[in-house]
């Protein structure tokens, strides 16, 4: 029987992940942790999502930070 590998992100969209991270860390701390200044200069979901979708390393960093956050809860 072929089992699908577990999805550590639980099928969450980038927007859902980002909202949870913002709730947990706040915009400024999140921006500093990810080193993406658009979070602190323009804390809007849409501009942040556009940046993250176009920047694979940043998206990976956000996903890894999300997994780290889950371990802390």
C-alpha atoms as a PDB file:
ATOM      1  CA  UNK A   1       0.000   0.000   0.000  1.00  0.00           C
ATOM      2  CA  UNK A   2       1.435   3.360  -1.053  1.00  0.00           C
ATOM      3  CA  UNK A   3       1.105   6.007   1.590  1.00  0.00           C
ATOM      4  CA  UNK A   4       1.450   9.659   0.803  1.00  0.00           C
ATOM      5  CA  UNK A   5       4.222  11.344   2.746  1.00  0.00           C
ATOM      6  CA  UNK A   6       2.847  13.412   5.607  1.00  0.00           C
ATOM      7  CA  UNK A   7       2.419  17.076   4.865  1.00  0.00           C
ATOM      8  CA  UNK A   8       4.102  18.882   7.771  1.00  0.00           C
ATOM      9  CA  UNK A   9       2.231  22.056   6.809  1.00  0.00           C
ATOM     10  CA  UNK A  10      -1.107  20.230   7.001  1.00  0.00           C
ATOM     11  CA  UNK A  11      -2.223  21.546   3.608  1.00  0.00           C
ATOM     12  CA  UNK A  12      -2.213  25.157   4.801  1.00  0.00           C
ATOM     13  CA  UNK A  13      -1.910  27.909   2.249  1.00  0.00           C
ATOM     14  CA  UNK A  14       0.843  30.481   2.423  1.00  0.00           C
ATOM     15  CA  UNK A  15      -1.721  33.064   3.530  1.00  0.00           C
ATOM     16  CA  UNK A  16      -2.905  30.866   6.408  1.00  0.00           C
ATOM     17  CA  UNK A  17       0.682  30.204   7.501  1.00  0.00           C
ATOM     18  CA  UNK A  18       1.557  33.881   7.364  1.00  0.00           C
ATOM     19  CA  UNK A  19      -1.493  34.888   9.424  1.00  0.00           C
ATOM     20  CA  UNK A  20      -0.606  32.342  12.119  1.00  0.00           C
ATOM     21  CA  UNK A  21       2.991  33.554  12.208  1.00  0.00           C
ATOM     22  CA  UNK A  22       1.895  37.184  12.481  1.00  0.00           C
ATOM     23  CA  UNK A  23      -0.460  36.280  15.331  1.00  0.00           C
ATOM     24  CA  UNK A  24       2.332  34.408  17.103  1.00  0.00           C
ATOM     25  CA  UNK A  25       5.302  36.736  16.543  1.00  0.00           C
ATOM     26  CA  UNK A  26       3.850  40.093  15.447  1.00  0.00           C
ATOM     27  CA  UNK A  27       4.791  41.906  12.238  1.00  0.00           C
ATOM     28  CA  UNK A  28       8.051  43.483  13.342  1.00  0.00           C
ATOM     29  CA  UNK A  29       9.542  40.422  15.001  1.00  0.00           C
ATOM     30  CA  UNK A  30       8.434  38.226  12.108  1.00  0.00           C
ATOM     31  CA  UNK A  31      10.040  40.606   9.616  1.00  0.00           C
ATOM     32  CA  UNK A  32      13.292  40.544  11.559  1.00  0.00           C
ATOM     33  CA  UNK A  33      13.276  36.745  11.871  1.00  0.00           C
ATOM     34  CA  UNK A  34      12.688  36.245   8.158  1.00  0.00           C
ATOM     35  CA  UNK A  35      14.846  39.235   7.175  1.00  0.00           C
ATOM     36  CA  UNK A  36      12.173  40.525   4.824  1.00  0.00           C
ATOM     37  CA  UNK A  37      11.787  44.216   5.402  1.00  0.00           C
ATOM     38  CA  UNK A  38       8.469  44.473   3.559  1.00  0.00           C
ATOM     39  CA  UNK A  39       6.837  43.032   6.678  1.00  0.00           C
ATOM     40  CA  UNK A  40       7.879  45.989   8.806  1.00  0.00           C
ATOM     41  CA  UNK A  41       7.575  48.681   6.142  1.00  0.00           C
ATOM     42  CA  UNK A  42       4.304  47.532   4.619  1.00  0.00           C
ATOM     43  CA  UNK A  43       2.530  45.097   6.918  1.00  0.00           C
ATOM     44  CA  UNK A  44      -0.163  44.025   4.498  1.00  0.00           C
ATOM     45  CA  UNK A  45      -0.903  40.401   3.732  1.00  0.00           C
ATOM     46  CA  UNK A  46      -1.157  41.041  -0.006  1.00  0.00           C
ATOM     47  CA  UNK A  47       2.238  42.667  -0.520  1.00  0.00           C
ATOM     48  CA  UNK A  48       3.901  40.119   1.737  1.00  0.00           C
ATOM     49  CA  UNK A  49       2.282  37.199  -0.071  1.00  0.00           C
ATOM     50  CA  UNK A  50       3.315  38.552  -3.461  1.00  0.00           C
ATOM     51  CA  UNK A  51       6.905  38.846  -2.301  1.00  0.00           C
ATOM     52  CA  UNK A  52       6.897  35.366  -0.764  1.00  0.00           C
ATOM     53  CA  UNK A  53       5.331  33.724  -3.817  1.00  0.00           C
ATOM     54  CA  UNK A  54       7.993  35.234  -6.090  1.00  0.00           C
ATOM     55  CA  UNK A  55      10.908  34.440  -3.773  1.00  0.00           C
ATOM     56  CA  UNK A  56      11.380  30.694  -3.172  1.00  0.00           C
ATOM     57  CA  UNK A  57      14.071  31.059  -0.466  1.00  0.00           C
ATOM     58  CA  UNK A  58      11.830  33.402   1.497  1.00  0.00           C
ATOM     59  CA  UNK A  59       8.834  31.088   1.220  1.00  0.00           C
ATOM     60  CA  UNK A  60      10.946  28.174   2.461  1.00  0.00           C
ATOM     61  CA  UNK A  61      12.143  30.283   5.371  1.00  0.00           C
ATOM     62  CA  UNK A  62       8.537  31.161   6.278  1.00  0.00           C
ATOM     63  CA  UNK A  63       7.492  27.499   6.116  1.00  0.00           C
ATOM     64  CA  UNK A  64      10.443  26.450   8.277  1.00  0.00           C
ATOM     65  CA  UNK A  65       9.650  29.183  10.779  1.00  0.00           C
ATOM     66  CA  UNK A  66       6.042  27.980  10.869  1.00  0.00           C
ATOM     67  CA  UNK A  67       7.171  24.429  11.672  1.00  0.00           C
ATOM     68  CA  UNK A  68       9.436  25.803  14.385  1.00  0.00           C
ATOM     69  CA  UNK A  69       6.512  27.797  15.807  1.00  0.00           C
ATOM     70  CA  UNK A  70       4.389  24.650  15.977  1.00  0.00           C
ATOM     71  CA  UNK A  71       7.102  22.925  18.001  1.00  0.00           C
ATOM     72  CA  UNK A  72       7.023  25.810  20.507  1.00  0.00           C
ATOM     73  CA  UNK A  73       3.281  25.586  21.130  1.00  0.00           C
END
